[in-house]
Protein backbone atom coordinates (compact mmCIF):
# COMPACT_ATOMS: atom_id res chain seq x y z
CA MET A 1 -33.68 -56.51 -44.16
CA THR A 2 -31.48 -56.84 -46.69
CA GLY A 3 -27.97 -58.39 -46.61
CA PRO A 4 -24.64 -56.64 -47.50
CA ASN A 5 -24.24 -55.87 -51.43
CA PRO A 6 -22.57 -58.64 -53.34
CA VAL A 7 -21.16 -56.56 -55.65
CA PHE A 8 -19.27 -54.20 -53.11
CA GLU A 9 -18.58 -57.29 -51.09
CA SER A 10 -16.54 -58.76 -54.01
CA THR A 11 -14.92 -55.74 -54.63
CA TYR A 12 -13.88 -54.87 -51.15
CA THR A 13 -12.60 -58.44 -50.96
CA ASP A 14 -10.43 -58.14 -54.13
CA TYR A 15 -8.93 -54.93 -52.75
CA LEU A 16 -8.14 -56.10 -49.38
CA SER A 17 -6.15 -58.93 -50.95
CA ARG A 18 -4.40 -56.59 -53.40
CA ILE A 19 -3.62 -54.53 -50.30
CA GLY A 20 -2.09 -57.59 -48.41
CA GLU A 21 0.10 -57.82 -51.53
CA ILE A 22 1.50 -54.13 -50.99
CA ASP A 23 4.60 -53.57 -48.96
CA LEU A 24 3.19 -51.04 -46.93
CA HIS A 25 6.32 -48.81 -45.35
CA SER A 26 7.17 -48.96 -49.20
CA ILE A 27 4.28 -46.54 -49.69
CA ALA A 28 4.04 -44.74 -46.42
CA ASP A 29 6.08 -41.78 -47.04
CA CYS A 30 4.93 -41.33 -50.43
CA LEU A 31 1.08 -41.17 -49.26
CA GLY A 32 1.68 -39.52 -45.76
CA VAL A 33 0.42 -42.70 -43.88
CA ARG A 34 1.52 -44.28 -40.48
CA VAL A 35 2.02 -48.04 -40.58
CA ARG A 36 0.75 -49.33 -37.68
CA GLY A 37 -0.35 -52.95 -36.71
CA GLY A 38 -0.27 -54.57 -39.93
CA GLY A 39 -2.01 -52.10 -42.18
CA VAL A 40 -1.74 -48.06 -41.95
CA ASP A 41 -3.60 -45.28 -40.54
CA ILE A 42 -5.10 -42.86 -43.15
CA LYS A 43 -6.88 -39.14 -41.77
CA MET A 44 -9.32 -38.41 -44.16
CA PHE A 45 -10.75 -34.94 -43.78
CA ASP A 46 -11.49 -34.95 -39.61
CA LYS A 47 -11.74 -39.11 -39.34
CA VAL A 48 -8.51 -41.64 -39.07
CA PHE A 49 -9.19 -45.01 -41.01
CA HIS A 50 -7.30 -48.46 -40.43
CA VAL A 51 -6.71 -50.05 -43.32
CA SER A 52 -5.22 -53.33 -43.83
CA SER A 53 -5.82 -56.65 -45.49
CA ARG A 54 -7.90 -57.84 -42.80
CA GLY A 55 -10.23 -55.02 -43.44
CA ILE A 56 -11.00 -51.15 -43.15
CA VAL A 57 -12.37 -49.77 -39.66
CA ASP A 58 -12.48 -46.06 -37.96
CA ARG A 59 -11.60 -45.66 -34.60
CA GLN A 60 -14.73 -47.03 -33.00
CA GLY A 61 -13.80 -50.20 -35.04
CA ALA A 62 -16.88 -50.17 -37.43
CA ARG A 63 -16.64 -50.13 -41.19
CA PRO A 64 -17.27 -47.26 -43.25
CA GLY A 65 -19.47 -46.91 -46.04
CA PHE A 66 -18.90 -48.18 -49.79
CA ASP A 67 -17.27 -44.70 -51.02
CA VAL A 68 -14.92 -44.29 -47.87
CA CYS A 69 -13.83 -47.86 -48.51
CA VAL A 70 -13.28 -47.36 -51.91
CA ILE A 71 -11.37 -44.25 -52.03
CA LEU A 72 -8.77 -45.64 -49.14
CA CYS A 73 -8.18 -48.46 -50.93
CA ARG A 74 -7.66 -47.19 -53.42
CA TYR A 75 -5.35 -44.35 -52.70
CA LEU A 76 -2.67 -46.83 -51.14
CA LEU A 77 -3.23 -48.98 -54.63
CA MET A 78 -2.55 -46.13 -57.07
CA CYS A 79 0.22 -44.83 -55.19
CA PRO A 80 2.80 -42.94 -57.70
CA ALA A 81 6.15 -43.73 -58.23
CA ARG A 82 7.41 -40.64 -57.16
CA LEU A 83 6.41 -37.55 -55.24
CA SER A 84 4.41 -35.54 -58.02
CA LEU A 85 5.21 -31.48 -57.40
CA GLY A 86 1.86 -30.71 -59.35
CA THR A 87 0.59 -28.30 -56.54
CA ASP A 88 -1.21 -25.69 -58.80
CA TRP A 89 -4.96 -25.62 -58.06
CA VAL A 90 -7.62 -26.58 -60.24
CA THR A 91 -11.35 -27.43 -60.71
CA TYR A 92 -12.40 -30.88 -61.02
CA ASN A 93 -13.49 -30.37 -64.64
CA GLY A 94 -9.55 -29.74 -65.12
CA LEU A 95 -8.29 -32.93 -63.74
CA ARG A 96 -7.34 -35.64 -66.39
CA ASP A 97 -10.23 -37.40 -67.96
CA SER A 98 -13.01 -35.96 -65.33
CA GLY A 99 -14.87 -35.07 -68.47
CA PRO A 100 -17.74 -37.80 -68.11
CA LEU A 101 -17.94 -36.78 -64.35
CA THR A 102 -18.23 -33.01 -64.46
CA LYS A 103 -22.14 -33.07 -64.67
CA PHE A 104 -22.02 -35.23 -61.55
CA PHE A 105 -19.75 -32.94 -59.65
CA GLN A 106 -21.78 -30.00 -60.06
CA ASN A 107 -25.13 -31.49 -59.62
CA GLU A 108 -24.05 -34.03 -56.46
CA VAL A 109 -21.00 -31.95 -54.73
CA GLU A 110 -21.07 -28.01 -55.55
CA LEU A 111 -24.69 -27.41 -56.16
CA PRO A 112 -26.15 -28.86 -52.97
CA ILE A 113 -23.55 -26.85 -51.17
CA ALA A 114 -24.45 -23.66 -52.78
CA THR A 115 -28.25 -24.37 -52.27
CA HIS A 116 -27.99 -25.46 -48.68
CA PHE A 117 -25.86 -22.80 -47.47
CA SER A 118 -27.43 -20.11 -49.33
CA GLY A 119 -27.93 -16.70 -46.59
CA ARG A 120 -26.19 -18.81 -44.10
CA VAL A 121 -22.34 -18.37 -44.95
CA ASP A 122 -21.43 -18.49 -41.25
CA GLU A 123 -22.98 -21.91 -40.52
CA LEU A 124 -20.96 -23.50 -43.61
CA GLY A 125 -17.92 -21.75 -41.76
CA VAL A 126 -18.77 -23.86 -39.08
CA ALA A 127 -19.71 -27.11 -40.56
CA CYS A 128 -16.29 -26.73 -42.32
CA ARG A 129 -14.07 -26.17 -39.30
CA ALA A 130 -15.39 -29.01 -37.66
CA LEU A 131 -14.12 -31.04 -40.38
CA GLY A 132 -10.82 -29.77 -40.21
CA GLY A 133 -11.48 -26.92 -42.25
CA TYR A 134 -8.36 -24.15 -42.40
CA SER A 135 -8.06 -20.45 -44.20
CA ALA A 136 -6.35 -20.97 -47.51
CA ASP A 137 -4.83 -18.40 -49.89
CA ILE A 138 -6.36 -18.45 -53.10
CA ASP A 139 -6.44 -15.51 -55.23
CA GLY A 140 -9.93 -14.05 -56.02
CA PHE A 141 -12.83 -12.54 -54.21
CA TYR A 142 -15.13 -14.87 -51.88
CA ASP A 143 -17.00 -15.25 -49.20
CA LEU A 144 -15.83 -18.12 -47.58
CA VAL A 145 -12.34 -19.87 -48.59
CA LEU A 146 -11.27 -23.03 -46.72
CA GLY A 147 -9.01 -25.87 -47.23
CA PHE A 148 -8.81 -29.18 -46.16
CA SER A 149 -6.64 -32.54 -45.86
CA ALA A 150 -8.84 -33.98 -47.77
CA LEU A 151 -6.39 -37.22 -47.66
CA PRO A 152 -2.92 -36.99 -46.79
CA MET A 153 -1.69 -35.81 -49.91
CA ILE A 154 -4.86 -34.48 -51.68
CA PRO A 155 -5.73 -31.36 -49.88
CA VAL A 156 -9.08 -29.55 -51.24
CA VAL A 157 -10.25 -25.62 -51.32
CA LEU A 158 -13.85 -24.78 -51.07
CA LEU A 159 -14.77 -21.23 -52.34
CA PHE A 160 -18.47 -19.97 -51.84
CA ASN A 161 -20.03 -17.01 -52.67
CA ASP A 162 -23.34 -16.30 -51.13
CA ARG A 163 -26.22 -14.93 -53.03
CA ASP A 164 -26.87 -11.65 -53.85
CA ASP A 165 -29.45 -9.33 -55.65
CA ASP A 166 -28.11 -10.51 -58.82
CA PHE A 167 -26.56 -14.23 -58.10
CA PRO A 168 -27.47 -17.08 -56.73
CA ALA A 169 -25.20 -18.77 -54.14
CA SER A 170 -22.44 -20.79 -55.96
CA ALA A 171 -19.71 -23.30 -54.50
CA SER A 172 -16.56 -24.60 -56.16
CA LEU A 173 -14.30 -27.42 -54.92
CA LEU A 174 -10.46 -26.90 -56.58
CA PHE A 175 -8.23 -29.90 -56.13
CA GLN A 176 -4.34 -29.47 -56.67
CA ARG A 177 -3.53 -30.97 -60.08
CA ARG A 178 -0.97 -33.66 -58.35
CA ALA A 179 -4.93 -35.13 -57.20
CA GLU A 180 -5.25 -37.21 -60.46
CA GLN A 181 -1.74 -39.10 -59.80
CA TYR A 182 -3.08 -40.35 -56.10
CA LEU A 183 -6.98 -41.22 -57.33
CA ASP A 184 -8.90 -41.77 -59.90
CA PRO A 185 -11.41 -39.35 -61.74
CA GLU A 186 -14.60 -41.57 -60.22
CA CYS A 187 -12.97 -41.51 -56.65
CA LEU A 188 -11.89 -37.95 -56.42
CA ALA A 189 -15.76 -37.20 -57.69
CA LEU A 190 -16.44 -39.65 -54.39
CA LEU A 191 -14.35 -37.79 -52.38
CA GLY A 192 -16.26 -34.30 -52.96
CA TRP A 193 -19.15 -36.37 -52.49
CA TYR A 194 -18.22 -37.18 -49.29
CA LEU A 195 -17.24 -33.75 -48.05
CA SER A 196 -20.61 -32.32 -49.73
CA GLY A 197 -22.70 -34.62 -47.61
CA ARG A 198 -20.36 -34.38 -44.51
CA LEU A 199 -21.44 -30.14 -44.55
CA ILE A 200 -24.73 -30.56 -45.08
CA ASP A 201 -25.47 -33.12 -42.37
């Protein structure tokens, strides 16, 4: 059996140390999180995690995976100085500095959703709603449009068109432009990757 990844453990420990230096009450409103027990509760899709300088745990007391830990830590550490009003919707490649990861996002986030749920749009709707998906108002013609509260200040919208005689199924995730102020491109890509994996699982 392999032990914990030393690089991850070092990064995790560093993030927790930096979180311990934050006045959590001063950022709670800006991030939409609840201060509790020396840390904060953060809802990510359908799950709530407790983050403090002592560690990150879910409701069952288990530490989540590397991707979730990084996303939650960066969400706290990147808190902007003021609330952003940039609520227009953009694709991932429309976000600042996302260029190097656009192929990853297409191939590892959007394409797997399209491929897995091709011809199964009803199943996709069920999977989305199990993760807290809700009806979203987006201009355009799609077979399915559902929004998610990925993090308190980062909603995302999934657009899905099923296959037809001329085109394969397609999926696209939209972010509000202000998302780039709350997370870096790497973490936003991880957030999409996490959603894709949860939907397919």
